[in-house]
């Protein structure tokens, strides 16, 4: 997983929130990492996240 994977997921979250008319969005790092994949796991470092 790369920083671009996280950027892509964030962009998708922002786009969905925008389409839903949300003025704000809360993104928790653990939820983001789960959406991208590999969390939780044996090597679940979140330095890129």
PDB file of N, CA and C in Angstrom:
ATOM      1  N   UNK A   1       0.840  -1.162   0.000  1.00  0.00           N
ATOM      2  CA  UNK A   1       0.000   0.000   0.000  1.00  0.00           C
ATOM      3  C   UNK A   1       0.893   1.235   0.000  1.00  0.00           C
ATOM      4  N   UNK A   2       0.425   2.241  -0.697  1.00  0.00           N
ATOM      5  CA  UNK A   2       1.225   3.458  -0.858  1.00  0.00           C
ATOM      6  C   UNK A   2       0.440   4.678  -0.381  1.00  0.00           C
ATOM      7  N   UNK A   3       1.137   5.777  -0.301  1.00  0.00           N
ATOM      8  CA  UNK A   3       0.474   7.036   0.055  1.00  0.00           C
ATOM      9  C   UNK A   3      -0.600   7.373  -0.972  1.00  0.00           C
ATOM     10  N   UNK A   4      -0.367   7.017  -2.233  1.00  0.00           N
ATOM     11  CA  UNK A   4      -1.370   7.271  -3.265  1.00  0.00           C
ATOM     12  C   UNK A   4      -2.649   6.470  -3.030  1.00  0.00           C
ATOM     13  N   UNK A   5      -2.526   5.292  -2.452  1.00  0.00           N
ATOM     14  CA  UNK A   5      -3.718   4.505  -2.102  1.00  0.00           C
ATOM     15  C   UNK A   5      -4.570   5.271  -1.090  1.00  0.00           C
ATOM     16  N   UNK A   6      -3.914   5.860  -0.109  1.00  0.00           N
ATOM     17  CA  UNK A   6      -4.633   6.641   0.901  1.00  0.00           C
ATOM     18  C   UNK A   6      -5.228   7.901   0.287  1.00  0.00           C
ATOM     19  N   UNK A   7      -4.470   8.561  -0.574  1.00  0.00           N
ATOM     20  CA  UNK A   7      -4.986   9.765  -1.245  1.00  0.00           C
ATOM     21  C   UNK A   7      -6.222   9.436  -2.078  1.00  0.00           C
ATOM     22  N   UNK A   8      -6.173   8.323  -2.788  1.00  0.00           N
ATOM     23  CA  UNK A   8      -7.311   7.925  -3.610  1.00  0.00           C
ATOM     24  C   UNK A   8      -8.546   7.640  -2.788  1.00  0.00           C
ATOM     25  N   UNK A   9      -8.370   6.955  -1.673  1.00  0.00           N
ATOM     26  CA  UNK A   9      -9.511   6.659  -0.794  1.00  0.00           C
ATOM     27  C   UNK A   9     -10.070   7.942  -0.185  1.00  0.00           C
ATOM     28  N   UNK A  10      -9.191   8.852   0.223  1.00  0.00           N
ATOM     29  CA  UNK A  10      -9.663  10.130   0.754  1.00  0.00           C
ATOM     30  C   UNK A  10     -10.440  10.912  -0.300  1.00  0.00           C
ATOM     31  N   UNK A  11      -9.937  10.925  -1.525  1.00  0.00           N
ATOM     32  CA  UNK A  11     -10.629  11.625  -2.606  1.00  0.00           C
ATOM     33  C   UNK A  11     -12.018  11.031  -2.819  1.00  0.00           C
ATOM     34  N   UNK A  12     -12.125   9.704  -2.758  1.00  0.00           N
ATOM     35  CA  UNK A  12     -13.421   9.051  -2.918  1.00  0.00           C
ATOM     36  C   UNK A  12     -14.365   9.419  -1.771  1.00  0.00           C
ATOM     37  N   UNK A  13     -13.850   9.467  -0.559  1.00  0.00           N
ATOM     38  CA  UNK A  13     -14.669   9.861   0.590  1.00  0.00           C
ATOM     39  C   UNK A  13     -15.150  11.298   0.454  1.00  0.00           C
ATOM     40  N   UNK A  14     -14.264  12.198   0.050  1.00  0.00           N
ATOM     41  CA  UNK A  14     -14.638  13.605  -0.126  1.00  0.00           C
ATOM     42  C   UNK A  14     -15.675  13.762  -1.239  1.00  0.00           C
ATOM     43  N   UNK A  15     -15.508  13.028  -2.325  1.00  0.00           N
ATOM     44  CA  UNK A  15     -16.450  13.094  -3.435  1.00  0.00           C
ATOM     45  C   UNK A  15     -17.830  12.602  -3.006  1.00  0.00           C
ATOM     46  N   UNK A  16     -17.870  11.490  -2.279  1.00  0.00           N
ATOM     47  CA  UNK A  16     -19.146  10.949  -1.800  1.00  0.00           C
ATOM     48  C   UNK A  16     -19.826  11.929  -0.854  1.00  0.00           C
ATOM     49  N   UNK A  17     -19.054  12.537   0.030  1.00  0.00           N
ATOM     50  CA  UNK A  17     -19.619  13.510   0.971  1.00  0.00           C
ATOM     51  C   UNK A  17     -20.147  14.731   0.225  1.00  0.00           C
ATOM     52  N   UNK A  18     -19.423  15.177  -0.771  1.00  0.00           N
ATOM     53  CA  UNK A  18     -19.852  16.328  -1.565  1.00  0.00           C
ATOM     54  C   UNK A  18     -21.159  16.032  -2.295  1.00  0.00           C
ATOM     55  N   UNK A  19     -21.242  14.862  -2.908  1.00  0.00           N
ATOM     56  CA  UNK A  19     -22.457  14.474  -3.621  1.00  0.00           C
ATOM     57  C   UNK A  19     -23.645  14.330  -2.689  1.00  0.00           C
ATOM     58  N   UNK A  20     -23.378  13.970  -1.425  1.00  0.00           N
ATOM     59  CA  UNK A  20     -24.438  13.819  -0.435  1.00  0.00           C
ATOM     60  C   UNK A  20     -24.815  15.158   0.200  1.00  0.00           C
ATOM     61  N   UNK A  21     -24.099  16.222  -0.179  1.00  0.00           N
ATOM     62  CA  UNK A  21     -24.403  17.543   0.351  1.00  0.00           C
ATOM     63  C   UNK A  21     -23.835  17.813   1.732  1.00  0.00           C
ATOM     64  N   UNK A  22     -22.865  17.015   2.147  1.00  0.00           N
ATOM     65  CA  UNK A  22     -22.264  17.196   3.470  1.00  0.00           C
ATOM     66  C   UNK A  22     -21.328  18.408   3.453  1.00  0.00           C
ATOM     67  N   UNK A  23     -21.411  19.212   4.483  1.00  0.00           N
ATOM     68  CA  UNK A  23     -20.519  20.351   4.619  1.00  0.00           C
ATOM     69  C   UNK A  23     -19.230  20.007   5.335  1.00  0.00           C
ATOM     70  N   UNK A  24     -19.259  18.919   6.084  1.00  0.00           N
ATOM     71  CA  UNK A  24     -18.074  18.462   6.805  1.00  0.00           C
ATOM     72  C   UNK A  24     -17.989  16.949   6.700  1.00  0.00           C
ATOM     73  N   UNK A  25     -16.802  16.444   6.980  1.00  0.00           N
ATOM     74  CA  UNK A  25     -16.587  14.999   6.987  1.00  0.00           C
ATOM     75  C   UNK A  25     -15.547  14.699   8.056  1.00  0.00           C
ATOM     76  N   UNK A  26     -15.743  13.615   8.775  1.00  0.00           N
ATOM     77  CA  UNK A  26     -14.785  13.169   9.781  1.00  0.00           C
ATOM     78  C   UNK A  26     -14.184  11.862   9.270  1.00  0.00           C
ATOM     79  N   UNK A  27     -12.868  11.838   9.169  1.00  0.00           N
ATOM     80  CA  UNK A  27     -12.167  10.638   8.716  1.00  0.00           C
ATOM     81  C   UNK A  27     -11.224  10.207   9.831  1.00  0.00           C
ATOM     82  N   UNK A  28     -11.439   9.020  10.338  1.00  0.00           N
ATOM     83  CA  UNK A  28     -10.539   8.476  11.364  1.00  0.00           C
ATOM     84  C   UNK A  28      -9.492   7.620  10.667  1.00  0.00           C
ATOM     85  N   UNK A  29      -8.263   7.738  11.120  1.00  0.00           N
ATOM     86  CA  UNK A  29      -7.159   7.049  10.452  1.00  0.00           C
ATOM     87  C   UNK A  29      -7.367   5.535  10.402  1.00  0.00           C
ATOM     88  N   UNK A  30      -7.866   4.936  11.474  1.00  0.00           N
ATOM     89  CA  UNK A  30      -8.102   3.499  11.484  1.00  0.00           C
ATOM     90  C   UNK A  30      -9.141   3.084  10.450  1.00  0.00           C
ATOM     91  N   UNK A  31     -10.215   3.876  10.330  1.00  0.00           N
ATOM     92  CA  UNK A  31     -11.248   3.581   9.334  1.00  0.00           C
ATOM     93  C   UNK A  31     -10.691   3.723   7.923  1.00  0.00           C
ATOM     94  N   UNK A  32      -9.883   4.742   7.707  1.00  0.00           N
ATOM     95  CA  UNK A  32      -9.264   4.942   6.395  1.00  0.00           C
ATOM     96  C   UNK A  32      -8.364   3.761   6.056  1.00  0.00           C
ATOM     97  N   UNK A  33      -7.565   3.345   7.018  1.00  0.00           N
ATOM     98  CA  UNK A  33      -6.645   2.234   6.782  1.00  0.00           C
ATOM     99  C   UNK A  33      -7.420   0.943   6.507  1.00  0.00           C
ATOM    100  N   UNK A  34      -8.523   0.717   7.212  1.00  0.00           N
ATOM    101  CA  UNK A  34      -9.349  -0.462   6.952  1.00  0.00           C
ATOM    102  C   UNK A  34      -9.909  -0.436   5.532  1.00  0.00           C
ATOM    103  N   UNK A  35     -10.327   0.738   5.080  1.00  0.00           N
ATOM    104  CA  UNK A  35     -10.895   0.868   3.736  1.00  0.00           C
ATOM    105  C   UNK A  35      -9.843   0.598   2.662  1.00  0.00           C
ATOM    106  N   UNK A  36      -8.611   1.038   2.912  1.00  0.00           N
ATOM    107  CA  UNK A  36      -7.535   0.825   1.944  1.00  0.00           C
ATOM    108  C   UNK A  36      -7.098  -0.635   1.974  1.00  0.00           C
ATOM    109  N   UNK A  37      -7.102  -1.234   3.157  1.00  0.00           N
ATOM    110  CA  UNK A  37      -6.760  -2.645   3.296  1.00  0.00           C
ATOM    111  C   UNK A  37      -5.552  -2.860   4.188  1.00  0.00           C
ATOM    112  N   UNK A  38      -5.443  -4.065   4.680  1.00  0.00           N
ATOM    113  CA  UNK A  38      -4.280  -4.450   5.465  1.00  0.00           C
ATOM    114  C   UNK A  38      -4.322  -4.094   6.934  1.00  0.00           C
ATOM    115  N   UNK A  39      -5.479  -3.625   7.420  1.00  0.00           N
ATOM    116  CA  UNK A  39      -5.573  -3.251   8.819  1.00  0.00           C
ATOM    117  C   UNK A  39      -6.832  -3.860   9.396  1.00  0.00           C
ATOM    118  N   UNK A  40      -6.827  -4.460  10.522  1.00  0.00           N
ATOM    119  CA  UNK A  40      -5.627  -4.748  11.302  1.00  0.00           C
ATOM    120  C   UNK A  40      -4.888  -5.947  10.717  1.00  0.00           C
ATOM    121  N   UNK A  41      -3.644  -6.021  10.993  1.00  0.00           N
ATOM    122  CA  UNK A  41      -2.821  -7.109  10.496  1.00  0.00           C
ATOM    123  C   UNK A  41      -1.544  -7.219  11.299  1.00  0.00           C
ATOM    124  N   UNK A  42      -0.713  -8.128  10.899  1.00  0.00           N
ATOM    125  CA  UNK A  42       0.541  -8.331  11.633  1.00  0.00           C
ATOM    126  C   UNK A  42       1.538  -7.210  11.405  1.00  0.00           C
ATOM    127  N   UNK A  43       1.397  -6.500  10.294  1.00  0.00           N
ATOM    128  CA  UNK A  43       2.320  -5.407   9.960  1.00  0.00           C
ATOM    129  C   UNK A  43       1.500  -4.175   9.606  1.00  0.00           C
ATOM    130  N   UNK A  44       0.765  -3.644  10.568  1.00  0.00           N
ATOM    131  CA  UNK A  44      -0.186  -2.565  10.289  1.00  0.00           C
ATOM    132  C   UNK A  44       0.359  -1.188  10.650  1.00  0.00           C
ATOM    133  N   UNK A  45       1.534  -0.889  10.187  1.00  0.00           N
ATOM    134  CA  UNK A  45       2.079   0.444  10.395  1.00  0.00           C
ATOM    135  C   UNK A  45       1.230   1.444   9.631  1.00  0.00           C
ATOM    136  N   UNK A  46       1.098   2.609  10.185  1.00  0.00           N
ATOM    137  CA  UNK A  46       0.261   3.617   9.545  1.00  0.00           C
ATOM    138  C   UNK A  46       1.069   4.855   9.202  1.00  0.00           C
ATOM    139  N   UNK A  47       2.331   4.709   8.952  1.00  0.00           N
ATOM    140  CA  UNK A  47       3.165   5.889   8.676  1.00  0.00           C
ATOM    141  C   UNK A  47       2.679   6.656   7.454  1.00  0.00           C
ATOM    142  N   UNK A  48       2.229   5.955   6.418  1.00  0.00           N
ATOM    143  CA  UNK A  48       1.723   6.645   5.228  1.00  0.00           C
ATOM    144  C   UNK A  48       0.377   7.274   5.494  1.00  0.00           C
ATOM    145  N   UNK A  49      -0.421   6.631   6.328  1.00  0.00           N
ATOM    146  CA  UNK A  49      -1.751   7.139   6.631  1.00  0.00           C
ATOM    147  C   UNK A  49      -1.627   8.408   7.444  1.00  0.00           C
TER     148      UNK A  49
END
